[in-house]
Amino acid sequence: MVTAAFVCVVVAGAALWRALSSGLFVEHALMAASHHLQGAAGWIADVFSY
């Protein structure tokens, strides 16, 4: 049981390392930020147009 837990920790660590090294989290953050900025720009334009 301890060996299975250790293997799970190693596999999870490897998956996290791969996601970090490929820039997956940074890419997701940039996509979310640009989407938020586009939404904010539309909201600001709506406020100033009335």
N, C-alpha and C. Protein backbone atom coordinates (compact mmCIF):
# COMPACT_ATOMS: atom_id res chain seq x y z
N MET A 1 0.82 -1.18 0.00
CA MET A 1 0.00 0.00 0.00
C MET A 1 0.87 1.26 0.00
N VAL A 2 1.95 1.24 0.74
CA VAL A 2 2.86 2.37 0.77
C VAL A 2 3.52 2.54 -0.60
N THR A 3 3.84 1.43 -1.23
CA THR A 3 4.46 1.49 -2.57
C THR A 3 3.49 2.10 -3.58
N ALA A 4 2.22 1.74 -3.51
CA ALA A 4 1.23 2.31 -4.43
C ALA A 4 1.08 3.80 -4.21
N ALA A 5 1.09 4.23 -2.96
CA ALA A 5 1.00 5.66 -2.67
C ALA A 5 2.23 6.39 -3.19
N PHE A 6 3.40 5.80 -3.04
CA PHE A 6 4.63 6.41 -3.54
C PHE A 6 4.61 6.52 -5.06
N VAL A 7 4.13 5.47 -5.72
CA VAL A 7 4.03 5.49 -7.19
C VAL A 7 3.06 6.59 -7.63
N CYS A 8 1.95 6.75 -6.93
CA CYS A 8 0.99 7.81 -7.26
C CYS A 8 1.60 9.19 -7.10
N VAL A 9 2.39 9.39 -6.05
CA VAL A 9 3.04 10.67 -5.84
C VAL A 9 4.05 10.95 -6.95
N VAL A 10 4.79 9.94 -7.36
CA VAL A 10 5.78 10.11 -8.43
C VAL A 10 5.09 10.42 -9.75
N VAL A 11 4.01 9.72 -10.06
CA VAL A 11 3.28 9.95 -11.31
C VAL A 11 2.66 11.35 -11.31
N ALA A 12 2.07 11.75 -10.20
CA ALA A 12 1.48 13.09 -10.11
C ALA A 12 2.56 14.16 -10.23
N GLY A 13 3.68 13.95 -9.61
CA GLY A 13 4.80 14.90 -9.73
C GLY A 13 5.30 15.01 -11.15
N ALA A 14 5.39 13.88 -11.84
CA ALA A 14 5.83 13.90 -13.23
C ALA A 14 4.82 14.62 -14.12
N ALA A 15 3.54 14.41 -13.87
CA ALA A 15 2.52 15.10 -14.66
C ALA A 15 2.55 16.61 -14.40
N LEU A 16 2.75 17.00 -13.16
CA LEU A 16 2.85 18.42 -12.82
C LEU A 16 4.09 19.03 -13.44
N TRP A 17 5.21 18.32 -13.40
CA TRP A 17 6.44 18.81 -13.99
C TRP A 17 6.27 19.00 -15.50
N ARG A 18 5.61 18.06 -16.14
CA ARG A 18 5.40 18.16 -17.59
C ARG A 18 4.50 19.35 -17.93
N ALA A 19 3.45 19.57 -17.15
CA ALA A 19 2.54 20.69 -17.39
C ALA A 19 3.27 22.02 -17.17
N LEU A 20 4.09 22.09 -16.14
CA LEU A 20 4.84 23.32 -15.87
C LEU A 20 5.89 23.59 -16.94
N SER A 21 6.58 22.56 -17.38
CA SER A 21 7.64 22.76 -18.37
C SER A 21 7.09 23.08 -19.75
N SER A 22 5.88 22.65 -20.05
CA SER A 22 5.29 22.96 -21.35
C SER A 22 4.60 24.31 -21.36
N GLY A 23 4.47 24.95 -20.21
CA GLY A 23 3.84 26.26 -20.14
C GLY A 23 2.33 26.21 -20.18
N LEU A 24 1.75 25.11 -19.80
CA LEU A 24 0.31 24.93 -19.86
C LEU A 24 -0.41 25.94 -18.96
N PHE A 25 0.08 26.13 -17.76
CA PHE A 25 -0.58 27.03 -16.81
C PHE A 25 -0.44 28.49 -17.25
N VAL A 26 0.72 28.84 -17.80
CA VAL A 26 0.93 30.21 -18.27
C VAL A 26 0.02 30.49 -19.46
N GLU A 27 -0.07 29.53 -20.38
CA GLU A 27 -0.94 29.68 -21.55
C GLU A 27 -2.40 29.85 -21.11
N HIS A 28 -2.83 29.06 -20.16
CA HIS A 28 -4.19 29.16 -19.66
C HIS A 28 -4.44 30.52 -19.00
N ALA A 29 -3.48 30.99 -18.24
CA ALA A 29 -3.61 32.29 -17.58
C ALA A 29 -3.69 33.42 -18.60
N LEU A 30 -2.87 33.35 -19.66
CA LEU A 30 -2.91 34.38 -20.69
C LEU A 30 -4.23 34.37 -21.45
N MET A 31 -4.74 33.19 -21.74
CA MET A 31 -6.03 33.10 -22.42
C MET A 31 -7.14 33.66 -21.54
N ALA A 32 -7.11 33.34 -20.26
CA ALA A 32 -8.13 33.84 -19.34
C ALA A 32 -8.02 35.35 -19.18
N ALA A 33 -6.80 35.87 -19.11
CA ALA A 33 -6.62 37.31 -18.96
C ALA A 33 -7.08 38.06 -20.20
N SER A 34 -6.76 37.55 -21.38
CA SER A 34 -7.17 38.24 -22.59
C SER A 34 -8.69 38.20 -22.74
N HIS A 35 -9.29 37.09 -22.34
CA HIS A 35 -10.75 37.00 -22.40
C HIS A 35 -11.37 37.98 -21.43
N HIS A 36 -10.77 38.10 -20.25
CA HIS A 36 -11.29 39.03 -19.25
C HIS A 36 -11.13 40.47 -19.73
N LEU A 37 -10.01 40.78 -20.35
CA LEU A 37 -9.79 42.14 -20.84
C LEU A 37 -10.76 42.49 -21.96
N GLN A 38 -11.05 41.50 -22.82
CA GLN A 38 -12.01 41.75 -23.90
C GLN A 38 -13.39 42.01 -23.31
N GLY A 39 -13.76 41.25 -22.31
CA GLY A 39 -15.05 41.46 -21.65
C GLY A 39 -15.10 42.79 -20.93
N ALA A 40 -13.99 43.16 -20.28
CA ALA A 40 -13.94 44.43 -19.56
C ALA A 40 -14.00 45.59 -20.54
N ALA A 41 -13.35 45.45 -21.68
CA ALA A 41 -13.38 46.53 -22.67
C ALA A 41 -14.81 46.73 -23.18
N GLY A 42 -15.52 45.66 -23.41
CA GLY A 42 -16.91 45.79 -23.85
C GLY A 42 -17.78 46.43 -22.78
N TRP A 43 -17.54 46.07 -21.53
CA TRP A 43 -18.31 46.63 -20.42
C TRP A 43 -18.04 48.12 -20.29
N ILE A 44 -16.78 48.51 -20.42
CA ILE A 44 -16.43 49.93 -20.32
C ILE A 44 -17.03 50.71 -21.49
N ALA A 45 -17.00 50.13 -22.67
CA ALA A 45 -17.61 50.80 -23.83
C ALA A 45 -19.11 50.96 -23.62
N ASP A 46 -19.76 49.98 -23.03
CA ASP A 46 -21.20 50.08 -22.77
C ASP A 46 -21.50 51.19 -21.76
N VAL A 47 -20.66 51.33 -20.75
CA VAL A 47 -20.89 52.35 -19.74
C VAL A 47 -20.76 53.74 -20.35
N PHE A 48 -19.72 53.95 -21.16
CA PHE A 48 -19.50 55.28 -21.74
C PHE A 48 -20.44 55.59 -22.90
N SER A 49 -21.09 54.58 -23.47
CA SER A 49 -21.99 54.85 -24.59
C SER A 49 -23.36 55.31 -24.12
N TYR A 50 -23.66 55.18 -22.83
CA TYR A 50 -25.00 55.59 -22.35
C TYR A 50 -24.95 56.92 -21.71
